[in-house]
Structure formats: structure tokens, C-alpha cells
């Protein structure tokens, strides 16, 4: 049984690193990009996770563009 705090689809990265360890330092949108890219194909369908990562990346780009106007 996997630990609900450390789900199996986020295991297997260098030195036991977890995407959340990085994501909590970059903000909500970029954190979700990291989360979905890291788990792509490990939990849900790979393409579905990649689309989710892209969605949050596009939101972050829109925020940055709005700051430049």
C-alpha cells in the first residue's frame, strides 16, 4: 500500500525527491506544471497529464503577459 502523502506515481526520482518539494517553491501554476509533467503516464493517461501541465503553463504565461501591459 502506498503512503497517501508520498503516492507511488511520484516515486522514483533522484535521491527520493518529490515534485512537491520543488513545486511549493515556484507558485501554484508552475507547481502544477511540475506535478503533472513529473507524473505523466504514471497515474493517469500520459497525454492527459501533459495537457494539464500545458494548461497551467499557459495560465502562467498569461499572468506574466498581463504584468507587461
N, C-alpha and C. Protein backbone atom coordinates (compact mmCIF):
# COMPACT_ATOMS: atom_id res chain seq x y z
N UNK A 1 0.85 -1.19 0.00
CA UNK A 1 0.00 0.00 0.00
C UNK A 1 0.89 1.24 0.00
N UNK A 2 0.55 2.21 -0.81
CA UNK A 2 1.37 3.42 -0.89
C UNK A 2 0.96 4.42 0.19
N UNK A 3 1.89 5.24 0.54
CA UNK A 3 1.69 6.31 1.51
C UNK A 3 0.90 7.43 0.83
N UNK A 4 -0.26 7.85 1.37
CA UNK A 4 -1.04 8.91 0.72
C UNK A 4 -0.30 10.24 0.65
N UNK A 5 0.69 10.43 1.49
CA UNK A 5 1.49 11.65 1.46
C UNK A 5 2.54 11.56 0.35
N UNK A 6 2.99 10.37 0.06
CA UNK A 6 4.01 10.12 -0.96
C UNK A 6 3.51 9.06 -1.94
N UNK A 7 2.53 9.42 -2.80
CA UNK A 7 1.94 8.43 -3.71
C UNK A 7 2.97 7.82 -4.66
N UNK A 8 2.71 6.59 -5.05
CA UNK A 8 3.66 5.84 -5.88
C UNK A 8 3.93 6.50 -7.22
N UNK A 9 2.96 7.25 -7.77
CA UNK A 9 3.19 7.87 -9.08
C UNK A 9 4.14 9.06 -9.00
N UNK A 10 4.57 9.43 -7.80
CA UNK A 10 5.58 10.48 -7.63
C UNK A 10 6.89 9.92 -7.10
N UNK A 11 7.05 8.61 -7.09
CA UNK A 11 8.27 7.97 -6.59
C UNK A 11 9.24 7.73 -7.75
N UNK A 12 10.49 7.50 -7.39
CA UNK A 12 11.48 7.10 -8.39
C UNK A 12 12.34 8.21 -8.92
N UNK A 13 12.31 9.38 -8.30
CA UNK A 13 13.14 10.48 -8.75
C UNK A 13 14.45 10.50 -7.97
N UNK A 14 15.43 11.20 -8.44
CA UNK A 14 16.76 11.25 -7.86
C UNK A 14 16.74 11.57 -6.38
N UNK A 15 17.44 10.77 -5.62
CA UNK A 15 17.60 10.95 -4.17
C UNK A 15 16.27 11.04 -3.43
N UNK A 16 15.22 10.42 -3.96
CA UNK A 16 13.93 10.43 -3.30
C UNK A 16 13.19 11.75 -3.39
N UNK A 17 13.65 12.64 -4.24
CA UNK A 17 12.98 13.94 -4.40
C UNK A 17 11.53 13.73 -4.82
N UNK A 18 10.68 14.60 -4.37
CA UNK A 18 9.28 14.57 -4.73
C UNK A 18 8.94 15.86 -5.47
N UNK A 19 8.09 15.81 -6.49
CA UNK A 19 7.71 17.04 -7.17
C UNK A 19 7.21 18.13 -6.23
N UNK A 20 6.52 17.74 -5.17
CA UNK A 20 6.00 18.75 -4.23
C UNK A 20 7.13 19.52 -3.56
N UNK A 21 8.29 18.87 -3.37
CA UNK A 21 9.42 19.54 -2.73
C UNK A 21 9.89 20.73 -3.56
N UNK A 22 9.76 20.63 -4.85
CA UNK A 22 10.14 21.71 -5.77
C UNK A 22 8.95 22.64 -6.00
N UNK A 23 7.79 22.05 -6.24
CA UNK A 23 6.60 22.82 -6.62
C UNK A 23 6.20 23.86 -5.59
N UNK A 24 6.37 23.56 -4.32
CA UNK A 24 5.92 24.52 -3.32
C UNK A 24 6.77 25.78 -3.27
N UNK A 25 7.83 25.82 -4.06
CA UNK A 25 8.70 27.00 -4.09
C UNK A 25 8.53 27.85 -5.36
N UNK A 26 7.64 27.43 -6.26
CA UNK A 26 7.53 28.16 -7.53
C UNK A 26 6.14 28.73 -7.79
N UNK A 27 5.22 28.59 -6.87
CA UNK A 27 3.87 29.13 -7.06
C UNK A 27 2.92 28.08 -7.62
N UNK A 28 1.64 28.41 -7.58
CA UNK A 28 0.59 27.46 -7.91
C UNK A 28 0.67 26.93 -9.34
N UNK A 29 0.68 27.82 -10.32
CA UNK A 29 0.66 27.38 -11.71
C UNK A 29 1.89 26.57 -12.08
N UNK A 30 3.07 27.09 -11.78
CA UNK A 30 4.29 26.36 -12.12
C UNK A 30 4.43 25.09 -11.30
N UNK A 31 3.93 25.12 -10.08
CA UNK A 31 3.92 23.91 -9.27
C UNK A 31 3.10 22.81 -9.91
N UNK A 32 1.96 23.18 -10.48
CA UNK A 32 1.13 22.19 -11.17
C UNK A 32 1.78 21.72 -12.46
N UNK A 33 2.50 22.59 -13.15
CA UNK A 33 3.25 22.16 -14.34
C UNK A 33 4.22 21.06 -13.95
N UNK A 34 4.98 21.29 -12.87
CA UNK A 34 5.94 20.30 -12.40
C UNK A 34 5.24 19.01 -12.02
N UNK A 35 4.15 19.12 -11.26
CA UNK A 35 3.41 17.95 -10.79
C UNK A 35 2.93 17.09 -11.95
N UNK A 36 2.24 17.71 -12.91
CA UNK A 36 1.68 16.92 -14.00
C UNK A 36 2.76 16.41 -14.95
N UNK A 37 3.79 17.17 -15.18
CA UNK A 37 4.87 16.70 -16.05
C UNK A 37 5.61 15.53 -15.40
N UNK A 38 5.84 15.61 -14.10
CA UNK A 38 6.56 14.56 -13.39
C UNK A 38 5.78 13.25 -13.34
N UNK A 39 4.48 13.34 -13.26
CA UNK A 39 3.69 12.11 -13.14
C UNK A 39 3.14 11.63 -14.49
N UNK A 40 3.46 12.32 -15.57
CA UNK A 40 2.90 11.99 -16.88
C UNK A 40 3.05 10.50 -17.18
N UNK A 41 1.92 9.85 -17.33
CA UNK A 41 1.90 8.43 -17.65
C UNK A 41 2.05 7.51 -16.46
N UNK A 42 2.25 8.04 -15.28
CA UNK A 42 2.43 7.20 -14.09
C UNK A 42 1.13 7.01 -13.33
N UNK A 43 0.20 7.96 -13.44
CA UNK A 43 -1.07 7.85 -12.73
C UNK A 43 -2.22 7.79 -13.74
N UNK A 44 -2.38 8.85 -14.48
CA UNK A 44 -3.43 8.90 -15.49
C UNK A 44 -2.78 8.69 -16.86
N UNK A 45 -3.56 8.88 -17.87
CA UNK A 45 -3.02 8.76 -19.23
C UNK A 45 -1.98 9.84 -19.45
N UNK A 46 -0.88 9.49 -20.09
CA UNK A 46 0.24 10.41 -20.32
C UNK A 46 -0.21 11.69 -21.01
N UNK A 47 -0.98 11.56 -22.09
CA UNK A 47 -1.42 12.74 -22.84
C UNK A 47 -2.30 13.63 -21.97
N UNK A 48 -3.13 13.05 -21.14
CA UNK A 48 -3.98 13.83 -20.24
C UNK A 48 -3.13 14.65 -19.27
N UNK A 49 -2.11 14.04 -18.69
CA UNK A 49 -1.23 14.77 -17.77
C UNK A 49 -0.46 15.87 -18.49
N UNK A 50 -0.02 15.61 -19.71
CA UNK A 50 0.71 16.63 -20.47
C UNK A 50 -0.20 17.81 -20.82
N UNK A 51 -1.44 17.54 -21.13
CA UNK A 51 -2.40 18.63 -21.40
C UNK A 51 -2.64 19.46 -20.13
N UNK A 52 -2.71 18.80 -18.99
CA UNK A 52 -2.89 19.53 -17.73
C UNK A 52 -1.68 20.42 -17.46
N UNK A 53 -0.49 19.89 -17.69
CA UNK A 53 0.73 20.69 -17.49
C UNK A 53 0.72 21.90 -18.42
N UNK A 54 0.33 21.68 -19.65
CA UNK A 54 0.27 22.78 -20.62
C UNK A 54 -0.76 23.83 -20.21
N UNK A 55 -1.89 23.41 -19.70
CA UNK A 55 -2.94 24.33 -19.25
C UNK A 55 -2.38 25.28 -18.19
N UNK A 56 -1.69 24.74 -17.20
CA UNK A 56 -1.15 25.59 -16.14
C UNK A 56 0.01 26.45 -16.63
N UNK A 57 0.79 25.95 -17.57
CA UNK A 57 1.85 26.77 -18.15
C UNK A 57 1.27 27.94 -18.93
N UNK A 58 0.21 27.69 -19.68
CA UNK A 58 -0.44 28.77 -20.43
C UNK A 58 -1.02 29.82 -19.48
N UNK A 59 -1.58 29.40 -18.37
CA UNK A 59 -2.11 30.35 -17.37
C UNK A 59 -0.98 31.21 -16.81
N UNK A 60 0.15 30.60 -16.55
CA UNK A 60 1.30 31.35 -16.02
C UNK A 60 1.82 32.35 -17.06
N UNK A 61 1.85 31.95 -18.30
CA UNK A 61 2.27 32.85 -19.38
C UNK A 61 1.31 34.03 -19.48
N UNK A 62 0.01 33.77 -19.39
CA UNK A 62 -0.98 34.85 -19.44
C UNK A 62 -0.78 35.83 -18.29
N UNK A 63 -0.50 35.32 -17.10
CA UNK A 63 -0.25 36.21 -15.96
C UNK A 63 0.97 37.09 -16.20
N UNK A 64 2.02 36.50 -16.71
CA UNK A 64 3.24 37.28 -16.99
C UNK A 64 3.00 38.32 -18.07
N UNK A 65 2.26 37.95 -19.11
CA UNK A 65 1.96 38.90 -20.18
C UNK A 65 1.11 40.05 -19.66
N UNK A 66 0.18 39.77 -18.77
CA UNK A 66 -0.67 40.83 -18.25
C UNK A 66 0.13 41.82 -17.39
N UNK A 67 1.18 41.37 -16.79
CA UNK A 67 2.05 42.26 -15.99
C UNK A 67 2.83 43.21 -16.87
N UNK A 68 3.05 42.86 -18.12
CA UNK A 68 3.84 43.68 -19.04
C UNK A 68 3.00 44.72 -19.75
N UNK A 69 1.71 44.68 -19.60
CA UNK A 69 0.84 45.63 -20.31
C UNK A 69 0.67 46.90 -19.52
